[in-house]
N, C-alpha and C. Protein backbone atom coordinates (compact mmCIF):
# COMPACT_ATOMS: atom_id res chain seq x y z
N MET A 1 36.64 -223.56 197.59
CA MET A 1 37.39 -222.45 197.03
C MET A 1 37.54 -222.68 195.53
N ARG A 2 37.25 -221.68 194.76
CA ARG A 2 37.42 -221.77 193.31
C ARG A 2 37.82 -220.41 192.76
N ALA A 3 38.29 -220.41 191.54
CA ALA A 3 38.64 -219.15 190.88
C ALA A 3 37.36 -218.34 190.64
N ARG A 4 37.51 -217.05 190.55
CA ARG A 4 36.38 -216.15 190.33
C ARG A 4 36.66 -215.25 189.15
N SER A 5 35.60 -214.81 188.50
CA SER A 5 35.75 -213.84 187.42
C SER A 5 35.85 -212.44 188.03
N GLY A 6 36.28 -211.50 187.22
CA GLY A 6 36.38 -210.12 187.69
C GLY A 6 35.03 -209.57 188.13
N ALA A 7 33.98 -209.92 187.40
CA ALA A 7 32.63 -209.44 187.73
C ALA A 7 32.16 -210.03 189.06
N GLU A 8 32.48 -211.27 189.32
CA GLU A 8 32.09 -211.88 190.60
C GLU A 8 32.79 -211.19 191.77
N ILE A 9 34.06 -210.89 191.60
CA ILE A 9 34.81 -210.21 192.66
C ILE A 9 34.28 -208.80 192.87
N ALA A 10 33.99 -208.11 191.77
CA ALA A 10 33.43 -206.76 191.87
C ALA A 10 32.09 -206.77 192.61
N GLY A 11 31.25 -207.74 192.30
CA GLY A 11 29.96 -207.87 192.98
C GLY A 11 30.13 -208.13 194.47
N TYR A 12 31.08 -208.96 194.80
CA TYR A 12 31.36 -209.25 196.21
C TYR A 12 31.83 -207.99 196.94
N LEU A 13 32.73 -207.26 196.32
CA LEU A 13 33.23 -206.03 196.95
C LEU A 13 32.13 -204.98 197.08
N ARG A 14 31.21 -204.93 196.10
CA ARG A 14 30.07 -204.01 196.20
C ARG A 14 29.18 -204.37 197.38
N ARG A 15 28.94 -205.67 197.56
CA ARG A 15 28.11 -206.11 198.69
C ARG A 15 28.76 -205.78 200.03
N LEU A 16 30.07 -205.72 200.05
CA LEU A 16 30.77 -205.34 201.28
C LEU A 16 30.77 -203.83 201.50
N GLY A 17 30.28 -203.07 200.51
CA GLY A 17 30.19 -201.62 200.67
C GLY A 17 31.32 -200.84 200.04
N GLY A 18 32.08 -201.46 199.17
CA GLY A 18 33.18 -200.77 198.51
C GLY A 18 32.69 -199.75 197.50
N THR A 19 33.41 -198.67 197.36
CA THR A 19 33.06 -197.66 196.37
C THR A 19 33.59 -198.08 195.00
N THR A 20 33.09 -197.47 193.97
CA THR A 20 33.49 -197.81 192.61
C THR A 20 34.99 -197.60 192.41
N ALA A 21 35.52 -196.51 192.93
CA ALA A 21 36.95 -196.22 192.78
C ALA A 21 37.80 -197.29 193.46
N VAL A 22 37.42 -197.69 194.66
CA VAL A 22 38.17 -198.70 195.40
C VAL A 22 38.09 -200.05 194.69
N ILE A 23 36.90 -200.39 194.21
CA ILE A 23 36.71 -201.66 193.51
C ILE A 23 37.54 -201.70 192.23
N ASP A 24 37.49 -200.61 191.46
CA ASP A 24 38.27 -200.56 190.22
C ASP A 24 39.77 -200.67 190.49
N ALA A 25 40.23 -200.00 191.53
CA ALA A 25 41.66 -200.07 191.88
C ALA A 25 42.05 -201.48 192.31
N ALA A 26 41.20 -202.11 193.09
CA ALA A 26 41.49 -203.48 193.55
C ALA A 26 41.53 -204.45 192.38
N LEU A 27 40.55 -204.33 191.48
CA LEU A 27 40.51 -205.22 190.31
C LEU A 27 41.72 -205.00 189.40
N GLU A 28 42.11 -203.75 189.24
CA GLU A 28 43.27 -203.44 188.40
C GLU A 28 44.53 -204.07 188.99
N LYS A 29 44.69 -203.96 190.30
CA LYS A 29 45.86 -204.54 190.94
C LYS A 29 45.85 -206.07 190.82
N LEU A 30 44.70 -206.67 191.02
CA LEU A 30 44.59 -208.12 190.90
C LEU A 30 44.88 -208.59 189.48
N ARG A 31 44.43 -207.81 188.49
CA ARG A 31 44.73 -208.16 187.08
C ARG A 31 46.21 -208.00 186.79
N ARG A 32 46.81 -206.93 187.30
CA ARG A 32 48.23 -206.67 187.09
C ARG A 32 49.09 -207.79 187.69
N LEU A 33 48.69 -208.29 188.84
CA LEU A 33 49.40 -209.38 189.50
C LEU A 33 49.01 -210.76 188.93
N ASN A 34 48.10 -210.74 187.97
CA ASN A 34 47.62 -211.95 187.28
C ASN A 34 46.86 -212.90 188.22
N TYR A 35 46.20 -212.34 189.22
CA TYR A 35 45.32 -213.13 190.07
C TYR A 35 43.94 -213.26 189.43
N ILE A 36 43.59 -212.32 188.58
CA ILE A 36 42.34 -212.37 187.84
C ILE A 36 42.67 -212.34 186.36
N ASN A 37 42.18 -213.33 185.65
CA ASN A 37 42.30 -213.37 184.20
C ASN A 37 41.04 -214.02 183.68
N ASP A 38 40.12 -213.21 183.15
CA ASP A 38 38.83 -213.72 182.73
C ASP A 38 38.94 -214.71 181.57
N GLY A 39 39.92 -214.55 180.71
CA GLY A 39 40.10 -215.48 179.60
C GLY A 39 40.47 -216.87 180.10
N ILE A 40 41.40 -216.94 181.04
CA ILE A 40 41.80 -218.22 181.61
C ILE A 40 40.67 -218.81 182.44
N PHE A 41 39.96 -217.96 183.19
CA PHE A 41 38.83 -218.42 183.97
C PHE A 41 37.77 -219.05 183.07
N ALA A 42 37.45 -218.38 181.96
CA ALA A 42 36.43 -218.90 181.03
C ALA A 42 36.86 -220.24 180.45
N ARG A 43 38.13 -220.35 180.07
CA ARG A 43 38.63 -221.59 179.49
C ARG A 43 38.56 -222.73 180.50
N ASN A 44 39.03 -222.48 181.72
CA ASN A 44 39.03 -223.52 182.74
C ASN A 44 37.60 -223.94 183.12
N TRP A 45 36.71 -222.97 183.25
CA TRP A 45 35.32 -223.27 183.60
C TRP A 45 34.68 -224.11 182.49
N ALA A 46 34.87 -223.70 181.25
CA ALA A 46 34.28 -224.43 180.12
C ALA A 46 34.85 -225.84 180.03
N LEU A 47 36.14 -225.99 180.21
CA LEU A 47 36.77 -227.30 180.14
C LEU A 47 36.24 -228.22 181.23
N TRP A 48 36.14 -227.70 182.45
CA TRP A 48 35.64 -228.48 183.57
C TRP A 48 34.20 -228.92 183.32
N ARG A 49 33.36 -228.00 182.92
CA ARG A 49 31.95 -228.31 182.72
C ARG A 49 31.74 -229.27 181.55
N ALA A 50 32.53 -229.13 180.50
CA ALA A 50 32.39 -230.02 179.34
C ALA A 50 32.89 -231.42 179.65
N GLN A 51 34.03 -231.53 180.30
CA GLN A 51 34.61 -232.84 180.55
C GLN A 51 33.94 -233.57 181.71
N ASN A 52 33.67 -232.88 182.78
CA ASN A 52 33.18 -233.54 183.99
C ASN A 52 31.66 -233.58 184.10
N GLN A 53 30.98 -232.60 183.54
CA GLN A 53 29.53 -232.55 183.63
C GLN A 53 28.85 -232.95 182.33
N GLY A 54 29.61 -232.97 181.24
CA GLY A 54 29.04 -233.33 179.95
C GLY A 54 28.21 -232.22 179.33
N TYR A 55 28.43 -230.98 179.74
CA TYR A 55 27.64 -229.87 179.23
C TYR A 55 28.09 -229.47 177.84
N GLY A 56 27.14 -229.01 177.05
CA GLY A 56 27.41 -228.54 175.71
C GLY A 56 27.68 -227.05 175.70
N PRO A 57 27.99 -226.52 174.51
CA PRO A 57 28.36 -225.11 174.42
C PRO A 57 27.25 -224.15 174.82
N GLY A 58 26.00 -224.48 174.58
CA GLY A 58 24.90 -223.59 174.94
C GLY A 58 24.80 -223.38 176.44
N ARG A 59 24.88 -224.46 177.18
CA ARG A 59 24.77 -224.39 178.64
C ARG A 59 25.98 -223.66 179.24
N ILE A 60 27.16 -223.96 178.73
CA ILE A 60 28.37 -223.32 179.25
C ILE A 60 28.35 -221.83 178.93
N ASP A 61 27.88 -221.46 177.75
CA ASP A 61 27.75 -220.06 177.36
C ASP A 61 26.86 -219.31 178.35
N GLN A 62 25.72 -219.89 178.69
CA GLN A 62 24.81 -219.27 179.66
C GLN A 62 25.48 -219.08 181.02
N GLU A 63 26.17 -220.11 181.48
CA GLU A 63 26.82 -220.03 182.79
C GLU A 63 27.88 -218.93 182.83
N LEU A 64 28.68 -218.85 181.77
CA LEU A 64 29.74 -217.84 181.75
C LEU A 64 29.17 -216.43 181.65
N LYS A 65 28.07 -216.26 180.94
CA LYS A 65 27.43 -214.95 180.88
C LYS A 65 26.91 -214.55 182.26
N LYS A 66 26.37 -215.51 183.00
CA LYS A 66 25.91 -215.24 184.36
C LYS A 66 27.06 -214.80 185.26
N LYS A 67 28.24 -215.25 184.97
CA LYS A 67 29.41 -214.91 185.76
C LYS A 67 30.02 -213.58 185.34
N GLY A 68 29.41 -212.92 184.35
CA GLY A 68 29.83 -211.58 183.97
C GLY A 68 30.96 -211.51 182.97
N LEU A 69 31.22 -212.58 182.26
CA LEU A 69 32.30 -212.57 181.27
C LEU A 69 31.81 -211.98 179.95
N VAL A 70 32.75 -211.41 179.21
CA VAL A 70 32.40 -210.80 177.93
C VAL A 70 32.37 -211.88 176.85
N ASP A 71 31.64 -211.59 175.78
CA ASP A 71 31.43 -212.56 174.71
C ASP A 71 32.74 -213.03 174.06
N SER A 72 33.73 -212.14 173.97
CA SER A 72 34.99 -212.54 173.32
C SER A 72 35.70 -213.62 174.13
N ASP A 73 35.72 -213.50 175.46
CA ASP A 73 36.34 -214.52 176.30
C ASP A 73 35.56 -215.83 176.24
N ILE A 74 34.24 -215.72 176.25
CA ILE A 74 33.39 -216.91 176.18
C ILE A 74 33.57 -217.61 174.84
N GLY A 75 33.53 -216.85 173.76
CA GLY A 75 33.67 -217.43 172.43
C GLY A 75 35.00 -218.13 172.24
N ALA A 76 36.07 -217.51 172.72
CA ALA A 76 37.40 -218.11 172.59
C ALA A 76 37.49 -219.41 173.38
N ALA A 77 36.93 -219.41 174.57
CA ALA A 77 36.97 -220.62 175.40
C ALA A 77 36.17 -221.75 174.76
N LEU A 78 34.97 -221.45 174.29
CA LEU A 78 34.13 -222.48 173.69
C LEU A 78 34.73 -223.01 172.40
N LYS A 79 35.32 -222.11 171.62
CA LYS A 79 35.94 -222.56 170.37
C LYS A 79 37.10 -223.50 170.66
N GLU A 80 37.90 -223.16 171.65
CA GLU A 80 39.04 -224.00 172.00
C GLU A 80 38.59 -225.37 172.52
N ILE A 81 37.61 -225.37 173.40
CA ILE A 81 37.17 -226.62 174.02
C ILE A 81 36.46 -227.52 173.01
N PHE A 82 35.56 -226.94 172.24
CA PHE A 82 34.75 -227.77 171.35
C PHE A 82 35.39 -227.96 169.98
N ASP A 83 36.55 -227.36 169.71
CA ASP A 83 37.30 -227.70 168.52
C ASP A 83 38.18 -228.90 168.77
N GLN A 84 38.61 -229.09 170.01
CA GLN A 84 39.47 -230.23 170.32
C GLN A 84 38.71 -231.54 170.13
N GLU A 85 37.49 -231.59 170.56
CA GLU A 85 36.66 -232.78 170.39
C GLU A 85 35.32 -232.32 169.87
N ASN A 86 34.86 -232.96 168.85
CA ASN A 86 33.62 -232.59 168.19
C ASN A 86 32.45 -232.57 169.17
N GLU A 87 31.59 -231.57 169.04
CA GLU A 87 30.41 -231.46 169.90
C GLU A 87 29.52 -232.70 169.75
N GLU A 88 29.43 -233.19 168.55
CA GLU A 88 28.60 -234.38 168.31
C GLU A 88 29.16 -235.60 169.05
N GLU A 89 30.47 -235.73 169.07
CA GLU A 89 31.10 -236.87 169.75
C GLU A 89 30.87 -236.78 171.26
N ARG A 90 30.96 -235.58 171.82
CA ARG A 90 30.69 -235.40 173.26
C ARG A 90 29.25 -235.77 173.57
N ALA A 91 28.32 -235.31 172.72
CA ALA A 91 26.91 -235.62 172.94
C ALA A 91 26.67 -237.12 172.83
N ARG A 92 27.33 -237.78 171.89
CA ARG A 92 27.19 -239.23 171.73
C ARG A 92 27.65 -239.96 173.00
N LYS A 93 28.78 -239.54 173.56
CA LYS A 93 29.30 -240.19 174.76
C LYS A 93 28.35 -240.05 175.94
N ILE A 94 27.84 -238.85 176.14
CA ILE A 94 26.95 -238.61 177.28
C ILE A 94 25.62 -239.33 177.08
N LEU A 95 25.16 -239.41 175.83
CA LEU A 95 23.91 -240.12 175.53
C LEU A 95 24.08 -241.61 175.77
N GLN A 96 25.20 -242.18 175.36
CA GLN A 96 25.45 -243.60 175.58
C GLN A 96 25.54 -243.92 177.07
N LYS A 97 26.13 -243.03 177.82
CA LYS A 97 26.26 -243.25 179.25
C LYS A 97 24.89 -243.20 179.94
N ARG A 98 24.10 -242.22 179.58
CA ARG A 98 22.80 -242.01 180.24
C ARG A 98 21.73 -243.00 179.79
N PHE A 99 21.74 -243.36 178.50
CA PHE A 99 20.69 -244.21 177.96
C PHE A 99 21.21 -245.58 177.52
N ALA A 100 22.22 -246.08 178.20
CA ALA A 100 22.78 -247.40 177.87
C ALA A 100 21.71 -248.47 178.04
N GLY A 101 21.56 -249.31 177.03
CA GLY A 101 20.61 -250.41 177.09
C GLY A 101 19.17 -250.02 176.82
N LYS A 102 18.92 -248.79 176.51
CA LYS A 102 17.54 -248.35 176.23
C LYS A 102 17.35 -248.22 174.73
N ASN A 103 16.16 -248.48 174.29
CA ASN A 103 15.82 -248.40 172.87
C ASN A 103 15.42 -246.97 172.53
N LEU A 104 16.28 -246.29 171.79
CA LEU A 104 16.00 -244.89 171.43
C LEU A 104 14.98 -244.78 170.30
N GLN A 105 14.50 -245.90 169.79
CA GLN A 105 13.47 -245.86 168.75
C GLN A 105 12.08 -245.71 169.35
N GLU A 106 11.94 -246.00 170.63
CA GLU A 106 10.66 -245.81 171.31
C GLU A 106 10.41 -244.31 171.47
N PRO A 107 9.22 -243.84 171.13
CA PRO A 107 8.95 -242.40 171.19
C PRO A 107 9.20 -241.76 172.55
N ARG A 108 8.82 -242.44 173.61
CA ARG A 108 8.99 -241.87 174.95
C ARG A 108 10.48 -241.73 175.29
N THR A 109 11.25 -242.75 175.01
CA THR A 109 12.69 -242.72 175.28
C THR A 109 13.37 -241.68 174.40
N LEU A 110 12.93 -241.58 173.16
CA LEU A 110 13.50 -240.61 172.24
C LEU A 110 13.25 -239.19 172.73
N ARG A 111 12.03 -238.91 173.18
CA ARG A 111 11.72 -237.58 173.72
C ARG A 111 12.58 -237.26 174.94
N ARG A 112 12.76 -238.25 175.79
CA ARG A 112 13.59 -238.05 176.98
C ARG A 112 15.05 -237.78 176.61
N ALA A 113 15.53 -238.50 175.61
CA ALA A 113 16.92 -238.31 175.17
C ALA A 113 17.11 -236.90 174.59
N ILE A 114 16.14 -236.46 173.79
CA ILE A 114 16.21 -235.12 173.19
C ILE A 114 16.20 -234.06 174.29
N ALA A 115 15.27 -234.20 175.23
CA ALA A 115 15.17 -233.23 176.32
C ALA A 115 16.45 -233.23 177.18
N PHE A 116 17.01 -234.40 177.41
CA PHE A 116 18.24 -234.52 178.19
C PHE A 116 19.38 -233.75 177.52
N LEU A 117 19.56 -233.96 176.22
CA LEU A 117 20.64 -233.27 175.50
C LEU A 117 20.39 -231.77 175.41
N GLN A 118 19.13 -231.36 175.28
CA GLN A 118 18.82 -229.93 175.25
C GLN A 118 19.16 -229.28 176.59
N ARG A 119 18.84 -229.94 177.69
CA ARG A 119 19.16 -229.40 179.01
C ARG A 119 20.67 -229.31 179.21
N ARG A 120 21.40 -230.18 178.60
CA ARG A 120 22.85 -230.18 178.70
C ARG A 120 23.49 -229.10 177.84
N GLY A 121 22.72 -228.49 176.94
CA GLY A 121 23.24 -227.37 176.17
C GLY A 121 23.71 -227.70 174.78
N TYR A 122 23.30 -228.84 174.25
CA TYR A 122 23.68 -229.19 172.88
C TYR A 122 22.68 -228.61 171.90
N SER A 123 23.18 -228.26 170.73
CA SER A 123 22.33 -227.62 169.73
C SER A 123 21.35 -228.61 169.12
N SER A 124 20.25 -228.10 168.61
CA SER A 124 19.23 -228.94 167.98
C SER A 124 19.80 -229.69 166.79
N LYS A 125 20.67 -229.04 166.06
CA LYS A 125 21.29 -229.67 164.89
C LYS A 125 22.06 -230.93 165.30
N VAL A 126 22.87 -230.82 166.34
CA VAL A 126 23.65 -231.96 166.81
C VAL A 126 22.72 -233.06 167.33
N ILE A 127 21.69 -232.67 168.06
CA ILE A 127 20.76 -233.65 168.62
C ILE A 127 20.07 -234.43 167.51
N PHE A 128 19.57 -233.73 166.50
CA PHE A 128 18.85 -234.41 165.44
C PHE A 128 19.76 -235.25 164.56
N VAL A 129 20.99 -234.79 164.34
CA VAL A 129 21.95 -235.60 163.59
C VAL A 129 22.29 -236.86 164.38
N LEU A 130 22.51 -236.70 165.67
CA LEU A 130 22.89 -237.82 166.52
C LEU A 130 21.79 -238.86 166.64
N LEU A 131 20.57 -238.42 166.76
CA LEU A 131 19.46 -239.35 166.96
C LEU A 131 18.81 -239.80 165.65
N GLY A 132 19.36 -239.36 164.53
CA GLY A 132 18.87 -239.83 163.24
C GLY A 132 17.50 -239.31 162.87
N GLN A 133 17.15 -238.16 163.36
CA GLN A 133 15.86 -237.56 163.06
C GLN A 133 16.06 -236.39 162.14
N SER A 134 15.10 -236.13 161.28
CA SER A 134 15.18 -234.92 160.48
C SER A 134 14.60 -233.79 161.30
N VAL A 135 14.99 -232.60 161.00
CA VAL A 135 14.53 -231.43 161.77
C VAL A 135 13.02 -231.25 161.61
N ASP A 136 12.45 -231.72 160.50
CA ASP A 136 11.02 -231.57 160.28
C ASP A 136 10.16 -232.55 161.07
N ASP A 137 10.75 -233.65 161.53
CA ASP A 137 10.00 -234.65 162.29
C ASP A 137 9.58 -234.06 163.62
N ASN A 138 8.34 -234.34 163.99
CA ASN A 138 7.85 -233.90 165.29
C ASN A 138 7.97 -235.05 166.26
N CYS A 139 8.55 -234.79 167.40
CA CYS A 139 8.74 -235.85 168.40
C CYS A 139 7.86 -235.60 169.58
């Protein structure tokens, strides 16, 4: 059991055969009772994914868009989460955990580290700053 966004609930009700009027009324009532709050949902989802999964803002942004959230809720959540702790510091922690004891100067290991951080949703700028590479270097 987990919290759901308004779009997820609307999709579920559509699959059950609900009409647009019924779905809108149900969502309005749930919002009025504060059972659905997309802003809080986005913040909690982003915080969970960043802290427990080590995901960066790019990956979290994609996930929240898939869940039907609007850009303003996503942007506010990401700004709050990644302003508290620097994106570069989060990437450094996850890189140290994953590649502990490995030589990142070896080309193969370096490529794997870059690909790992990209899959986690960290920006190229952060990756290249963290790994000491210039953006012009080809890896």
